């Protein structure tokens, strides 16, 4: 039997499961935190006990140092563990290195929380895995029939036609490593420079067997030469270079509002689009779909009476 309040939005703290007394990706420090991946909007510092994959713990420790958590419970994919009365299994989510879906089993019912996930191939992280579930608790960031993400390979090939140096804005964790890999494979004549704050993250990827590709750390003298350099920088640096001359400015994202010019866009997203969510529902075969982190109304209208859709946020 599906329990309607198996997980709830607990005020400012986020998604809470009272049957195991734990939070999923809490927004504020929690006693027991199940963390799906290391992006800052899912992995805050100061939790007492954190349950996550090794890559997630390693990146959190890099980012937060001593305040990352009092205790880490590091669990591989597909190895069940228990919190309270809930059996939990991490399932690869394909979003970034170490990202996990959270399969929760309680009183004979299965609840699958996706966290952030993607179906597109990505050589810099573990691919998504599929399990069946009674309830699919899915992010709905791009749950809109009007949003269909283009092929990332075709997107990155666009930079082959740009002969000037490129200032490429991207989130430092996950997206930057994927871009390095795509450029190395599909625009090999480009010389990739990386902002110094991204280098330690690259080192973690390499240590865990997911080398992004060919790159070197940024040097000011290098970018003064027109030699088809691509300088990958995090958002705060990208914004500070708004008046940069002699370079083409691009920002790699699935969000239209983050594209900085109309002539050259890079729509590369690490989230599922409308078709991906429908594919996920087909693969996981849920009786109910619960949505969060976006707008679930399109899914509710799409399935009508075929599948019950509940909007959590």
C-alpha atoms as a PDB file:
ATOM      1  CA  UNK A   1       0.000   0.000   0.000  1.00  0.00           C
ATOM      2  CA  UNK A   2       1.324   3.437  -0.961  1.00  0.00           C
ATOM      3  CA  UNK A   3       1.587   5.779   2.022  1.00  0.00           C
ATOM      4  CA  UNK A   4       0.527   9.253   0.971  1.00  0.00           C
ATOM      5  CA  UNK A   5       2.873  11.002   3.406  1.00  0.00           C
ATOM      6  CA  UNK A   6       5.865   8.678   3.044  1.00  0.00           C
ATOM      7  CA  UNK A   7       7.883  11.763   2.164  1.00  0.00           C
ATOM      8  CA  UNK A   8       6.761  15.341   2.729  1.00  0.00           C
ATOM      9  CA  UNK A   9       8.157  18.833   2.254  1.00  0.00           C
ATOM     10  CA  UNK A  10       9.107  19.853   5.796  1.00  0.00           C
ATOM     11  CA  UNK A  11       9.116  23.642   5.650  1.00  0.00           C
ATOM     12  CA  UNK A  12      12.527  25.101   4.880  1.00  0.00           C
ATOM     13  CA  UNK A  13      14.328  21.834   5.627  1.00  0.00           C
ATOM     14  CA  UNK A  14      13.147  20.069   2.485  1.00  0.00           C
ATOM     15  CA  UNK A  15      12.107  16.494   1.726  1.00  0.00           C
ATOM     16  CA  UNK A  16      11.603  14.413   4.883  1.00  0.00           C
ATOM     17  CA  UNK A  17      10.780  10.747   5.544  1.00  0.00           C
ATOM     18  CA  UNK A  18       9.375  10.307   9.031  1.00  0.00           C
ATOM     19  CA  UNK A  19       9.338   6.515   8.678  1.00  0.00           C
ATOM     20  CA  UNK A  20      13.134   6.499   8.706  1.00  0.00           C
ATOM     21  CA  UNK A  21      13.642   9.913  10.311  1.00  0.00           C
ATOM     22  CA  UNK A  22      15.903  11.220   7.558  1.00  0.00           C
ATOM     23  CA  UNK A  23      15.969  14.037   5.025  1.00  0.00           C
ATOM     24  CA  UNK A  24      16.660  13.652   1.321  1.00  0.00           C
ATOM     25  CA  UNK A  25      19.025  16.401   0.132  1.00  0.00           C
ATOM     26  CA  UNK A  26      18.132  18.649   3.096  1.00  0.00           C
ATOM     27  CA  UNK A  27      18.308  22.375   2.530  1.00  0.00           C
ATOM     28  CA  UNK A  28      19.408  22.959   6.143  1.00  0.00           C
ATOM     29  CA  UNK A  29      21.727  20.800   8.281  1.00  0.00           C
ATOM     30  CA  UNK A  30      19.984  17.633   9.466  1.00  0.00           C
ATOM     31  CA  UNK A  31      20.627  14.801  11.915  1.00  0.00           C
ATOM     32  CA  UNK A  32      20.336  12.169   9.178  1.00  0.00           C
ATOM     33  CA  UNK A  33      20.868  13.320   5.571  1.00  0.00           C
ATOM     34  CA  UNK A  34      20.653  11.112   2.482  1.00  0.00           C
ATOM     35  CA  UNK A  35      22.513  13.099  -0.170  1.00  0.00           C
ATOM     36  CA  UNK A  36      22.076  12.224  -3.835  1.00  0.00           C
ATOM     37  CA  UNK A  37      24.990  14.227  -5.248  1.00  0.00           C
ATOM     38  CA  UNK A  38      27.471  16.954  -4.394  1.00  0.00           C
ATOM     39  CA  UNK A  39      25.973  20.022  -6.059  1.00  0.00           C
ATOM     40  CA  UNK A  40      25.528  22.733  -3.460  1.00  0.00           C
ATOM     41  CA  UNK A  41      21.728  22.901  -3.812  1.00  0.00           C
ATOM     42  CA  UNK A  42      21.545  19.244  -2.777  1.00  0.00           C
ATOM     43  CA  UNK A  43      24.532  18.880  -0.452  1.00  0.00           C
ATOM     44  CA  UNK A  44      24.742  21.431   2.340  1.00  0.00           C
ATOM     45  CA  UNK A  45      27.421  21.487   5.023  1.00  0.00           C
ATOM     46  CA  UNK A  46      26.899  20.882   8.730  1.00  0.00           C
ATOM     47  CA  UNK A  47      24.856  17.664   8.657  1.00  0.00           C
ATOM     48  CA  UNK A  48      25.403  15.246  11.517  1.00  0.00           C
ATOM     49  CA  UNK A  49      25.324  11.975   9.542  1.00  0.00           C
ATOM     50  CA  UNK A  50      25.472  11.869   5.749  1.00  0.00           C
ATOM     51  CA  UNK A  51      24.651   8.792   3.673  1.00  0.00           C
ATOM     52  CA  UNK A  52      26.049   9.036   0.132  1.00  0.00           C
ATOM     53  CA  UNK A  53      28.391   7.547  -2.455  1.00  0.00           C
ATOM     54  CA  UNK A  54      32.151   7.891  -2.136  1.00  0.00           C
ATOM     55  CA  UNK A  55      32.440  10.465  -4.913  1.00  0.00           C
ATOM     56  CA  UNK A  56      29.783  12.628  -3.286  1.00  0.00           C
ATOM     57  CA  UNK A  57      31.554  12.472   0.078  1.00  0.00           C
ATOM     58  CA  UNK A  58      34.927  13.283  -1.483  1.00  0.00           C
ATOM     59  CA  UNK A  59      33.604  16.344  -3.290  1.00  0.00           C
ATOM     60  CA  UNK A  60      31.725  17.536  -0.197  1.00  0.00           C
ATOM     61  CA  UNK A  61      34.934  17.233   1.820  1.00  0.00           C
ATOM     62  CA  UNK A  62      36.801  19.245  -0.819  1.00  0.00           C
ATOM     63  CA  UNK A  63      34.136  21.952  -0.790  1.00  0.00           C
ATOM     64  CA  UNK A  64      33.316  22.159   2.922  1.00  0.00           C
ATOM     65  CA  UNK A  65      36.401  20.651   4.582  1.00  0.00           C
ATOM     66  CA  UNK A  66      35.746  20.099   8.324  1.00  0.00           C
ATOM     67  CA  UNK A  67      32.104  21.196   8.182  1.00  0.00           C
ATOM     68  CA  UNK A  68      31.135  18.703   5.469  1.00  0.00           C
ATOM     69  CA  UNK A  69      29.582  16.323   8.024  1.00  0.00           C
ATOM     70  CA  UNK A  70      30.337  14.841  11.422  1.00  0.00           C
ATOM     71  CA  UNK A  71      30.033  11.294  10.035  1.00  0.00           C
ATOM     72  CA  UNK A  72      29.922   9.966   6.472  1.00  0.00           C
ATOM     73  CA  UNK A  73      28.282   6.616   5.759  1.00  0.00           C
ATOM     74  CA  UNK A  74      29.702   5.820   2.322  1.00  0.00           C
ATOM     75  CA  UNK A  75      27.712   3.231   0.405  1.00  0.00           C
ATOM     76  CA  UNK A  76      28.290   1.858  -3.122  1.00  0.00           C
ATOM     77  CA  UNK A  77      25.538   1.578  -5.669  1.00  0.00           C
ATOM     78  CA  UNK A  78      23.176  -1.386  -5.369  1.00  0.00           C
ATOM     79  CA  UNK A  79      24.195  -2.289  -1.799  1.00  0.00           C
ATOM     80  CA  UNK A  80      21.157  -1.894   0.518  1.00  0.00           C
ATOM     81  CA  UNK A  81      21.379  -0.306   3.961  1.00  0.00           C
ATOM     82  CA  UNK A  82      18.797   0.687   6.536  1.00  0.00           C
ATOM     83  CA  UNK A  83      17.885   3.927   8.269  1.00  0.00           C
ATOM     84  CA  UNK A  84      15.190   3.458  10.887  1.00  0.00           C
ATOM     85  CA  UNK A  85      12.658   1.112   9.346  1.00  0.00           C
ATOM     86  CA  UNK A  86      13.422   2.021   5.740  1.00  0.00           C
ATOM     87  CA  UNK A  87      15.614  -0.074   3.459  1.00  0.00           C
ATOM     88  CA  UNK A  88      17.600   2.166   1.099  1.00  0.00           C
ATOM     89  CA  UNK A  89      19.580   1.399  -2.056  1.00  0.00           C
ATOM     90  CA  UNK A  90      21.571   3.859  -4.158  1.00  0.00           C
ATOM     91  CA  UNK A  91      20.949   3.537  -7.899  1.00  0.00           C
ATOM     92  CA  UNK A  92      23.134   5.402 -10.387  1.00  0.00           C
ATOM     93  CA  UNK A  93      21.450   8.599 -11.617  1.00  0.00           C
ATOM     94  CA  UNK A  94      23.718   9.616 -14.525  1.00  0.00           C
ATOM     95  CA  UNK A  95      23.643  13.287 -13.471  1.00  0.00           C
ATOM     96  CA  UNK A  96      27.310  13.671 -12.473  1.00  0.00           C
ATOM     97  CA  UNK A  97      30.065  11.644 -10.828  1.00  0.00           C
ATOM     98  CA  UNK A  98      28.658   9.795  -7.806  1.00  0.00           C
ATOM     99  CA  UNK A  99      25.061  10.901  -8.328  1.00  0.00           C
ATOM    100  CA  UNK A 100      22.451   8.493  -7.015  1.00  0.00           C
ATOM    101  CA  UNK A 101      18.775   7.824  -7.114  1.00  0.00           C
ATOM    102  CA  UNK A 102      17.431   6.676  -3.743  1.00  0.00           C
ATOM    103  CA  UNK A 103      15.282   3.548  -3.716  1.00  0.00           C
ATOM    104  CA  UNK A 104      13.365   3.351  -0.440  1.00  0.00           C
ATOM    105  CA  UNK A 105      11.473   0.208   0.573  1.00  0.00           C
ATOM    106  CA  UNK A 106       8.987   0.243   3.431  1.00  0.00           C
ATOM    107  CA  UNK A 107       6.168  -2.122   4.340  1.00  0.00           C
ATOM    108  CA  UNK A 108       6.328  -3.840   0.953  1.00  0.00           C
ATOM    109  CA  UNK A 109       6.201  -0.631  -1.119  1.00  0.00           C
ATOM    110  CA  UNK A 110       8.989   0.893  -3.206  1.00  0.00           C
ATOM    111  CA  UNK A 111       9.584   4.648  -3.498  1.00  0.00           C
ATOM    112  CA  UNK A 112      12.248   5.918  -5.908  1.00  0.00           C
ATOM    113  CA  UNK A 113      13.583   9.454  -5.418  1.00  0.00           C
ATOM    114  CA  UNK A 114      15.543  10.436  -8.515  1.00  0.00           C
ATOM    115  CA  UNK A 115      17.412  13.473  -7.242  1.00  0.00           C
ATOM    116  CA  UNK A 116      18.808  15.182 -10.356  1.00  0.00           C
ATOM    117  CA  UNK A 117      19.305  12.719 -13.203  1.00  0.00           C
ATOM    118  CA  UNK A 118      19.889  12.507 -16.927  1.00  0.00           C
ATOM    119  CA  UNK A 119      19.568   9.912 -19.652  1.00  0.00           C
ATOM    120  CA  UNK A 120      22.045  11.397 -22.149  1.00  0.00           C
ATOM    121  CA  UNK A 121      25.382   9.549 -22.410  1.00  0.00           C
ATOM    122  CA  UNK A 122      28.186  11.095 -20.366  1.00  0.00           C
ATOM    123  CA  UNK A 123      31.660   9.583 -20.246  1.00  0.00           C
ATOM    124  CA  UNK A 124      32.522  11.524 -17.063  1.00  0.00           C
ATOM    125  CA  UNK A 125      30.080   9.724 -14.760  1.00  0.00           C
ATOM    126  CA  UNK A 126      28.291   6.466 -14.139  1.00  0.00           C
ATOM    127  CA  UNK A 127      25.328   5.921 -16.521  1.00  0.00           C
ATOM    128  CA  UNK A 128      21.779   5.877 -15.232  1.00  0.00           C
ATOM    129  CA  UNK A 129      20.417   2.530 -14.064  1.00  0.00           C
ATOM    130  CA  UNK A 130      16.793   1.450 -14.019  1.00  0.00           C
ATOM    131  CA  UNK A 131      14.696  -0.168 -11.316  1.00  0.00           C
ATOM    132  CA  UNK A 132      10.940  -0.581 -11.059  1.00  0.00           C
ATOM    133  CA  UNK A 133       9.049   1.240  -8.346  1.00  0.00           C
ATOM    134  CA  UNK A 134       5.575   1.828  -6.976  1.00  0.00           C
ATOM    135  CA  UNK A 135       6.120   5.574  -6.582  1.00  0.00           C
ATOM    136  CA  UNK A 136       8.463   7.642  -8.746  1.00  0.00           C
ATOM    137  CA  UNK A 137       9.515  10.868  -7.001  1.00  0.00           C
ATOM    138  CA  UNK A 138      11.032  12.789  -9.880  1.00  0.00           C
ATOM    139  CA  UNK A 139      12.608  16.177 -10.381  1.00  0.00           C
ATOM    140  CA  UNK A 140      10.578  18.195 -12.882  1.00  0.00           C
ATOM    141  CA  UNK A 141      13.032  20.977 -13.750  1.00  0.00           C
ATOM    142  CA  UNK A 142      12.233  20.694 -17.468  1.00  0.00           C
ATOM    143  CA  UNK A 143       8.927  18.786 -17.296  1.00  0.00           C
ATOM    144  CA  UNK A 144       7.389  20.684 -20.182  1.00  0.00           C
ATOM    145  CA  UNK A 145       6.507  19.256 -23.636  1.00  0.00           C
ATOM    146  CA  UNK A 146       8.028  22.392 -25.156  1.00  0.00           C
ATOM    147  CA  UNK A 147      11.465  21.559 -23.734  1.00  0.00           C
ATOM    148  CA  UNK A 148      13.410  18.955 -25.703  1.00  0.00           C
ATOM    149  CA  UNK A 149      17.160  19.005 -25.196  1.00  0.00           C
ATOM    150  CA  UNK A 150      19.325  18.801 -28.327  1.00  0.00           C
ATOM    151  CA  UNK A 151      22.079  16.247 -28.861  1.00  0.00           C
ATOM    152  CA  UNK A 152      25.066  17.456 -26.789  1.00  0.00           C
ATOM    153  CA  UNK A 153      27.537  16.180 -29.385  1.00  0.00           C
ATOM    154  CA  UNK A 154      25.941  18.288 -32.115  1.00  0.00           C
ATOM    155  CA  UNK A 155      25.880  21.256 -29.734  1.00  0.00           C
ATOM    156  CA  UNK A 156      29.564  21.043 -28.889  1.00  0.00           C
ATOM    157  CA  UNK A 157      30.480  20.633 -32.573  1.00  0.00           C
ATOM    158  CA  UNK A 158      29.224  24.200 -33.074  1.00  0.00           C
ATOM    159  CA  UNK A 159      32.437  25.550 -31.563  1.00  0.00           C
ATOM    160  CA  UNK A 160      34.407  24.085 -34.474  1.00  0.00           C
ATOM    161  CA  UNK A 161      33.087  26.984 -36.551  1.00  0.00           C
ATOM    162  CA  UNK A 162      34.287  29.583 -34.035  1.00  0.00           C
ATOM    163  CA  UNK A 163      37.881  30.451 -34.885  1.00  0.00           C
ATOM    164  CA  UNK A 164      38.452  33.004 -32.125  1.00  0.00           C
ATOM    165  CA  UNK A 165      39.259  32.149 -28.533  1.00  0.00           C
ATOM    166  CA  UNK A 166      36.201  31.200 -26.467  1.00  0.00           C
ATOM    167  CA  UNK A 167      35.348  32.149 -22.900  1.00  0.00           C
ATOM    168  CA  UNK A 168      33.069  29.273 -21.885  1.00  0.00           C
ATOM    169  CA  UNK A 169      31.038  29.644 -18.721  1.00  0.00           C
ATOM    170  CA  UNK A 170      29.912  26.469 -16.964  1.00  0.00           C
ATOM    171  CA  UNK A 171      29.252  25.137 -13.502  1.00  0.00           C
ATOM    172  CA  UNK A 172      32.564  23.919 -12.130  1.00  0.00           C
ATOM    173  CA  UNK A 173      31.294  20.590 -10.852  1.00  0.00           C
ATOM    174  CA  UNK A 174      29.932  18.088 -13.348  1.00  0.00           C
ATOM    175  CA  UNK A 175      29.267  20.366 -16.310  1.00  0.00           C
ATOM    176  CA  UNK A 176      32.881  21.505 -16.738  1.00  0.00           C
ATOM    177  CA  UNK A 177      34.205  17.945 -16.751  1.00  0.00           C
ATOM    178  CA  UNK A 178      31.574  16.898 -19.284  1.00  0.00           C
ATOM    179  CA  UNK A 179      32.490  19.844 -21.523  1.00  0.00           C
ATOM    180  CA  UNK A 180      36.191  18.987 -21.390  1.00  0.00           C
ATOM    181  CA  UNK A 181      35.323  15.463 -22.474  1.00  0.00           C
ATOM    182  CA  UNK A 182      33.013  16.585 -25.289  1.00  0.00           C
ATOM    183  CA  UNK A 183      35.490  19.147 -26.626  1.00  0.00           C
ATOM    184  CA  UNK A 184      38.366  16.656 -26.476  1.00  0.00           C
ATOM    185  CA  UNK A 185      36.338  14.139 -28.474  1.00  0.00           C
ATOM    186  CA  UNK A 186      34.468  16.362 -30.937  1.00  0.00           C
ATOM    187  CA  UNK A 187      36.544  19.541 -31.295  1.00  0.00           C
ATOM    188  CA  UNK A 188      40.046  18.108 -30.863  1.00  0.00           C
ATOM    189  CA  UNK A 189      41.824  21.084 -32.444  1.00  0.00           C
ATOM    190  CA  UNK A 190      40.664  23.278 -29.568  1.00  0.00           C
ATOM    191  CA  UNK A 191      43.084  23.859 -26.700  1.00  0.00           C
ATOM    192  CA  UNK A 192      41.228  23.663 -23.390  1.00  0.00           C
ATOM    193  CA  UNK A 193      42.196  25.931 -20.513  1.00  0.00           C
ATOM    194  CA  UNK A 194      40.627  25.457 -17.095  1.00  0.00           C
ATOM    195  CA  UNK A 195      40.073  27.932 -14.254  1.00  0.00           C
ATOM    196  CA  UNK A 196      42.150  27.121 -11.163  1.00  0.00           C
ATOM    197  CA  UNK A 197      39.051  26.444  -9.035  1.00  0.00           C
ATOM    198  CA  UNK A 198      37.984  23.639 -11.366  1.00  0.00           C
ATOM    199  CA  UNK A 199      41.351  21.856 -11.230  1.00  0.00           C
ATOM    200  CA  UNK A 200      40.849  20.148  -7.811  1.00  0.00           C
ATOM    201  CA  UNK A 201      37.507  18.774  -8.996  1.00  0.00           C
ATOM    202  CA  UNK A 202      39.168  17.413 -12.130  1.00  0.00           C
ATOM    203  CA  UNK A 203      41.717  15.716  -9.875  1.00  0.00           C
ATOM    204  CA  UNK A 204      38.926  13.884  -8.022  1.00  0.00           C
ATOM    205  CA  UNK A 205      37.413  12.742 -11.311  1.00  0.00           C
ATOM    206  CA  UNK A 206      40.775  11.455 -12.491  1.00  0.00           C
ATOM    207  CA  UNK A 207      41.463   9.673  -9.193  1.00  0.00           C
ATOM    208  CA  UNK A 208      38.135   7.869  -9.520  1.00  0.00           C
ATOM    209  CA  UNK A 209      38.824   6.747 -13.069  1.00  0.00           C
ATOM    210  CA  UNK A 210      36.840   9.379 -14.982  1.00  0.00           C
ATOM    211  CA  UNK A 211      39.505  11.532 -16.622  1.00  0.00           C
ATOM    212  CA  UNK A 212      37.689  14.387 -18.405  1.00  0.00           C
ATOM    213  CA  UNK A 213      40.136  14.700 -21.307  1.00  0.00           C
ATOM    214  CA  UNK A 214      42.936  16.996 -22.456  1.00  0.00           C
ATOM    215  CA  UNK A 215      43.284  20.346 -20.706  1.00  0.00           C
ATOM    216  CA  UNK A 216      45.733  22.636 -18.939  1.00  0.00           C
ATOM    217  CA  UNK A 217      45.405  25.306 -16.299  1.00  0.00           C
ATOM    218  CA  UNK A 218      44.687  28.812 -17.537  1.00  0.00           C
ATOM    219  CA  UNK A 219      47.563  31.185 -18.111  1.00  0.00           C
ATOM    220  CA  UNK A 220      47.009  34.858 -18.942  1.00  0.00           C
ATOM    221  CA  UNK A 221      49.683  34.897 -21.618  1.00  0.00           C
ATOM    222  CA  UNK A 222      48.056  31.975 -23.432  1.00  0.00           C
ATOM    223  CA  UNK A 223      44.694  33.687 -23.873  1.00  0.00           C
ATOM    224  CA  UNK A 224      46.381  36.717 -25.411  1.00  0.00           C
ATOM    225  CA  UNK A 225      47.242  34.524 -28.387  1.00  0.00           C
ATOM    226  CA  UNK A 226      44.514  33.720 -30.935  1.00  0.00           C
ATOM    227  CA  UNK A 227      44.981  29.969 -31.123  1.00  0.00           C
ATOM    228  CA  UNK A 228      41.478  28.509 -30.710  1.00  0.00           C
ATOM    229  CA  UNK A 229      41.699  28.330 -26.939  1.00  0.00           C
ATOM    230  CA  UNK A 230      38.583  27.450 -24.943  1.00  0.00           C
ATOM    231  CA  UNK A 231      38.836  28.829 -21.422  1.00  0.00           C
ATOM    232  CA  UNK A 232      36.313  27.116 -19.122  1.00  0.00           C
ATOM    233  CA  UNK A 233      35.370  29.234 -16.125  1.00  0.00           C
ATOM    234  CA  UNK A 234      32.777  29.006 -13.324  1.00  0.00           C
ATOM    235  CA  UNK A 235      29.795  31.400 -13.390  1.00  0.00           C
ATOM    236  CA  UNK A 236      31.221  34.039 -11.019  1.00  0.00           C
ATOM    237  CA  UNK A 237      34.333  34.415 -13.169  1.00  0.00           C
ATOM    238  CA  UNK A 238      32.301  34.399 -16.375  1.00  0.00           C
ATOM    239  CA  UNK A 239      30.132  37.239 -15.066  1.00  0.00           C
ATOM    240  CA  UNK A 240      33.185  39.259 -14.033  1.00  0.00           C
ATOM    241  CA  UNK A 241      34.531  39.049 -17.605  1.00  0.00           C
ATOM    242  CA  UNK A 242      31.446  40.631 -19.150  1.00  0.00           C
ATOM    243  CA  UNK A 243      33.577  43.185 -21.020  1.00  0.00           C
ATOM    244  CA  UNK A 244      36.192  40.703 -22.172  1.00  0.00           C
ATOM    245  CA  UNK A 245      37.508  41.509 -25.659  1.00  0.00           C
ATOM    246  CA  UNK A 246      38.988  39.257 -28.293  1.00  0.00           C
ATOM    247  CA  UNK A 247      36.929  36.236 -27.201  1.00  0.00           C
ATOM    248  CA  UNK A 248      33.546  34.742 -27.975  1.00  0.00           C
ATOM    249  CA  UNK A 249      31.474  34.452 -24.791  1.00  0.00           C
ATOM    250  CA  UNK A 250      29.324  31.326 -24.409  1.00  0.00           C
ATOM    251  CA  UNK A 251      27.559  29.749 -21.443  1.00  0.00           C
ATOM    252  CA  UNK A 252      26.765  26.034 -21.561  1.00  0.00           C
ATOM    253  CA  UNK A 253      23.380  25.337 -19.999  1.00  0.00           C
ATOM    254  CA  UNK A 254      19.930  23.926 -20.592  1.00  0.00           C
ATOM    255  CA  UNK A 255      18.412  27.247 -19.532  1.00  0.00           C
ATOM    256  CA  UNK A 256      17.570  29.747 -22.274  1.00  0.00           C
ATOM    257  CA  UNK A 257      18.135  32.714 -19.981  1.00  0.00           C
ATOM    258  CA  UNK A 258      21.772  31.688 -19.466  1.00  0.00           C
ATOM    259  CA  UNK A 259      22.591  31.798 -23.182  1.00  0.00           C
ATOM    260  CA  UNK A 260      24.515  35.020 -23.647  1.00  0.00           C
ATOM    261  CA  UNK A 261      24.146  35.657 -27.362  1.00  0.00           C
ATOM    262  CA  UNK A 262      21.790  34.665 -30.159  1.00  0.00           C
ATOM    263  CA  UNK A 263      24.435  33.848 -32.733  1.00  0.00           C
ATOM    264  CA  UNK A 264      26.101  31.040 -30.808  1.00  0.00           C
ATOM    265  CA  UNK A 265      24.301  28.983 -28.152  1.00  0.00           C
ATOM    266  CA  UNK A 266      25.290  25.835 -26.274  1.00  0.00           C
ATOM    267  CA  UNK A 267      22.209  24.084 -24.947  1.00  0.00           C
ATOM    268  CA  UNK A 268      23.842  21.317 -22.940  1.00  0.00           C
ATOM    269  CA  UNK A 269      21.807  20.175 -19.959  1.00  0.00           C
ATOM    270  CA  UNK A 270      22.500  17.669 -17.205  1.00  0.00           C
ATOM    271  CA  UNK A 271      18.796  17.261 -16.423  1.00  0.00           C
ATOM    272  CA  UNK A 272      16.024  15.219 -18.009  1.00  0.00           C
ATOM    273  CA  UNK A 273      13.727  16.875 -20.527  1.00  0.00           C
ATOM    274  CA  UNK A 274      10.078  16.051 -21.239  1.00  0.00           C
ATOM    275  CA  UNK A 275      10.780  12.948 -23.352  1.00  0.00           C
ATOM    276  CA  UNK A 276      13.326  11.695 -20.831  1.00  0.00           C
ATOM    277  CA  UNK A 277      10.790  11.874 -18.013  1.00  0.00           C
ATOM    278  CA  UNK A 278       8.256   9.953 -20.081  1.00  0.00           C
ATOM    279  CA  UNK A 279      10.945   7.355 -20.831  1.00  0.00           C
ATOM    280  CA  UNK A 280      11.753   7.135 -17.121  1.00  0.00           C
ATOM    281  CA  UNK A 281       8.110   6.508 -16.260  1.00  0.00           C
ATOM    282  CA  UNK A 282       7.975   3.764 -18.901  1.00  0.00           C
ATOM    283  CA  UNK A 283      11.126   2.152 -17.518  1.00  0.00           C
ATOM    284  CA  UNK A 284      10.262   2.367 -13.814  1.00  0.00           C
ATOM    285  CA  UNK A 285       6.554   1.456 -14.181  1.00  0.00           C
ATOM    286  CA  UNK A 286       5.234   3.447 -11.202  1.00  0.00           C
ATOM    287  CA  UNK A 287       1.644   3.388  -9.987  1.00  0.00           C
ATOM    288  CA  UNK A 288       2.055   7.023  -8.916  1.00  0.00           C
ATOM    289  CA  UNK A 289       4.375   9.898  -9.876  1.00  0.00           C
ATOM    290  CA  UNK A 290       5.259  12.604  -7.362  1.00  0.00           C
ATOM    291  CA  UNK A 291       7.027  15.701  -8.684  1.00  0.00           C
ATOM    292  CA  UNK A 292       9.303  18.304  -7.129  1.00  0.00           C
ATOM    293  CA  UNK A 293      12.026  20.826  -8.103  1.00  0.00           C
ATOM    294  CA  UNK A 294       9.922  22.247 -10.904  1.00  0.00           C
ATOM    295  CA  UNK A 295       6.411  22.276 -12.356  1.00  0.00           C
ATOM    296  CA  UNK A 296       4.493  19.002 -12.394  1.00  0.00           C
ATOM    297  CA  UNK A 297       1.310  20.348 -13.959  1.00  0.00           C
ATOM    298  CA  UNK A 298       2.187  19.221 -17.490  1.00  0.00           C
ATOM    299  CA  UNK A 299       2.700  15.650 -16.294  1.00  0.00           C
ATOM    300  CA  UNK A 300      -0.566  15.765 -14.363  1.00  0.00           C
ATOM    301  CA  UNK A 301      -2.412  16.928 -17.475  1.00  0.00           C
ATOM    302  CA  UNK A 302      -0.614  14.443 -19.706  1.00  0.00           C
ATOM    303  CA  UNK A 303      -1.460  11.331 -17.696  1.00  0.00           C
ATOM    304  CA  UNK A 304      -4.899  12.446 -16.488  1.00  0.00           C
ATOM    305  CA  UNK A 305      -6.496   9.285 -15.012  1.00  0.00           C
ATOM    306  CA  UNK A 306      -3.882   6.832 -16.328  1.00  0.00           C
ATOM    307  CA  UNK A 307      -1.280   7.529 -13.608  1.00  0.00           C
ATOM    308  CA  UNK A 308      -1.887   9.527 -10.451  1.00  0.00           C
ATOM    309  CA  UNK A 309       0.466  12.535 -10.374  1.00  0.00           C
ATOM    310  CA  UNK A 310       1.018  14.441  -7.128  1.00  0.00           C
ATOM    311  CA  UNK A 311       2.874  17.759  -7.039  1.00  0.00           C
ATOM    312  CA  UNK A 312       4.963  17.962  -3.865  1.00  0.00           C
ATOM    313  CA  UNK A 313       6.251  21.523  -4.283  1.00  0.00           C
END
